[in-house]
């Protein structure tokens, strides 16, 4: 009489430990995603330093919070007439840089529109910044 061994390999797998791990990971990711309300990119804009050694007086384009434009001493310029006013100032001095002075509450899109207009006229563009304050 042959003795048979009853040690057979079974193909059953217990999923109870696996579901516990999955739920723990799910809870971890839910908690970490709701804890960080800050923006993904933190952008710190540079502070300006006052320099008084410009070789050429710049052409100043100003834009205030009310959306009014000015080129040097010419006020009440519309955005449509701004390229012509800038071109007439550049004819006086071709090497003069264009300094853009925009109120801090002005939308970035408006400032970049001014930069684009000056670039199309072939001018070197400089954005004006506040003087750095020492603390």
Protein backbone atom coordinates (compact mmCIF):
# COMPACT_ATOMS: atom_id res chain seq x y z
CA UNK A 1 0.00 0.00 0.00
CA UNK A 2 1.37 3.34 -1.09
CA UNK A 3 1.18 6.30 1.24
CA UNK A 4 0.09 9.40 -0.49
CA UNK A 5 1.20 12.79 0.61
CA UNK A 6 -1.53 15.36 0.97
CA UNK A 7 0.72 18.39 0.61
CA UNK A 8 -0.56 19.88 -2.55
CA UNK A 9 0.32 23.35 -3.77
CA UNK A 10 -2.80 25.46 -4.04
CA UNK A 11 -3.26 28.34 -6.41
CA UNK A 12 -5.36 30.40 -4.00
CA UNK A 13 -4.22 33.87 -3.05
CA UNK A 14 -5.46 35.91 -0.10
CA UNK A 15 -6.34 39.45 -1.17
CA UNK A 16 -7.14 40.78 2.29
CA UNK A 17 -3.59 42.09 2.88
CA UNK A 18 -3.50 43.62 -0.60
CA UNK A 19 -6.76 45.52 -0.10
CA UNK A 20 -5.49 46.90 3.22
CA UNK A 21 -2.38 48.27 1.50
CA UNK A 22 -4.42 49.77 -1.33
CA UNK A 23 -6.76 51.54 1.10
CA UNK A 24 -3.81 52.87 3.10
CA UNK A 25 -2.21 54.26 -0.09
CA UNK A 26 -5.52 55.76 -1.17
CA UNK A 27 -5.96 57.52 2.18
CA UNK A 28 -2.35 58.77 2.05
CA UNK A 29 -2.74 60.29 -1.44
CA UNK A 30 -6.08 61.88 -0.59
CA UNK A 31 -4.68 63.51 2.55
CA UNK A 32 -1.51 64.81 0.89
CA UNK A 33 -3.33 66.22 -2.12
CA UNK A 34 -5.76 68.29 -0.05
CA UNK A 35 -3.18 69.60 2.42
CA UNK A 36 -1.20 71.64 -0.12
CA UNK A 37 -3.45 74.53 -1.24
CA UNK A 38 -0.50 76.71 -2.36
CA UNK A 39 0.18 77.18 -6.07
CA UNK A 40 2.38 74.76 -7.93
CA UNK A 41 4.87 77.40 -9.09
CA UNK A 42 6.12 80.05 -6.71
CA UNK A 43 7.37 83.04 -8.65
CA UNK A 44 9.38 85.77 -6.98
CA UNK A 45 9.82 88.80 -9.19
CA UNK A 46 13.13 90.63 -9.04
CA UNK A 47 13.58 93.92 -7.29
CA UNK A 48 15.14 96.76 -9.21
CA UNK A 49 18.27 98.70 -8.45
CA UNK A 50 18.42 102.39 -9.32
CA UNK A 51 21.12 103.20 -11.83
CA UNK A 52 21.95 106.76 -12.80
CA UNK A 53 24.55 105.99 -15.45
CA UNK A 54 22.46 105.75 -18.62
CA UNK A 55 24.38 107.07 -21.61
CA UNK A 56 21.19 107.93 -23.52
CA UNK A 57 17.92 109.21 -22.12
CA UNK A 58 15.32 106.46 -22.57
CA UNK A 59 11.98 106.84 -24.27
CA UNK A 60 9.40 106.34 -21.52
CA UNK A 61 6.11 104.62 -22.23
CA UNK A 62 3.76 104.98 -19.26
CA UNK A 63 0.59 103.04 -18.48
CA UNK A 64 -1.41 103.90 -15.38
CA UNK A 65 -4.05 101.87 -13.53
CA UNK A 66 -6.88 103.55 -15.48
CA UNK A 67 -5.44 102.32 -18.80
CA UNK A 68 -4.13 105.69 -20.01
CA UNK A 69 -0.98 105.64 -22.16
CA UNK A 70 1.76 108.27 -22.50
CA UNK A 71 4.99 108.45 -24.49
CA UNK A 72 7.56 110.78 -22.93
CA UNK A 73 5.61 114.06 -22.55
CA UNK A 74 2.69 113.16 -24.83
CA UNK A 75 -0.41 112.28 -22.82
CA UNK A 76 -3.77 110.82 -23.87
CA UNK A 77 -2.37 108.42 -26.45
CA UNK A 78 -4.53 105.49 -27.47
CA UNK A 79 -3.18 101.99 -28.00
CA UNK A 80 -3.87 102.37 -31.73
CA UNK A 81 -1.77 105.55 -32.03
CA UNK A 82 1.00 104.29 -29.73
CA UNK A 83 3.14 102.70 -32.51
CA UNK A 84 3.18 105.99 -34.46
CA UNK A 85 4.08 108.03 -31.37
CA UNK A 86 6.85 105.57 -30.50
CA UNK A 87 8.17 105.63 -34.05
CA UNK A 88 8.35 109.44 -34.04
CA UNK A 89 10.30 109.37 -30.76
CA UNK A 90 12.65 106.69 -32.12
CA UNK A 91 13.36 108.84 -35.20
CA UNK A 92 14.75 111.52 -32.88
CA UNK A 93 17.20 109.04 -31.32
CA UNK A 94 17.61 105.58 -32.87
CA UNK A 95 19.77 104.16 -30.06
CA UNK A 96 17.52 105.20 -27.18
CA UNK A 97 16.13 102.31 -25.14
CA UNK A 98 12.39 102.14 -24.47
CA UNK A 99 11.56 102.09 -20.78
CA UNK A 100 8.11 100.78 -19.91
CA UNK A 101 6.60 102.19 -16.71
CA UNK A 102 3.39 100.34 -15.86
CA UNK A 103 1.36 100.50 -12.67
CA UNK A 104 1.63 97.31 -10.63
CA UNK A 105 -2.13 96.73 -10.88
CA UNK A 106 -2.00 96.64 -14.69
CA UNK A 107 -2.52 93.20 -16.20
CA UNK A 108 0.65 91.51 -17.41
CA UNK A 109 -0.91 91.08 -20.87
CA UNK A 110 -1.05 94.86 -21.35
CA UNK A 111 2.62 95.24 -20.43
CA UNK A 112 3.61 92.49 -22.86
CA UNK A 113 1.57 94.22 -25.56
CA UNK A 114 3.74 97.33 -25.03
CA UNK A 115 6.89 95.20 -25.19
CA UNK A 116 5.67 93.66 -28.45
CA UNK A 117 4.98 97.08 -30.00
CA UNK A 118 8.45 98.32 -29.05
CA UNK A 119 10.09 95.14 -30.37
CA UNK A 120 8.33 95.53 -33.71
CA UNK A 121 9.84 99.00 -33.99
CA UNK A 122 13.32 97.55 -33.35
CA UNK A 123 13.86 99.20 -29.98
CA UNK A 124 15.67 97.80 -26.97
CA UNK A 125 13.06 97.35 -24.24
CA UNK A 126 13.64 97.85 -20.52
CA UNK A 127 10.98 97.27 -17.88
CA UNK A 128 11.04 99.77 -15.04
CA UNK A 129 11.03 98.34 -11.52
CA UNK A 130 10.70 99.80 -8.06
CA UNK A 131 13.87 100.69 -6.29
CA UNK A 132 14.97 97.95 -3.91
CA UNK A 133 14.24 98.94 -0.34
CA UNK A 134 16.75 98.03 2.34
CA UNK A 135 15.30 96.53 5.49
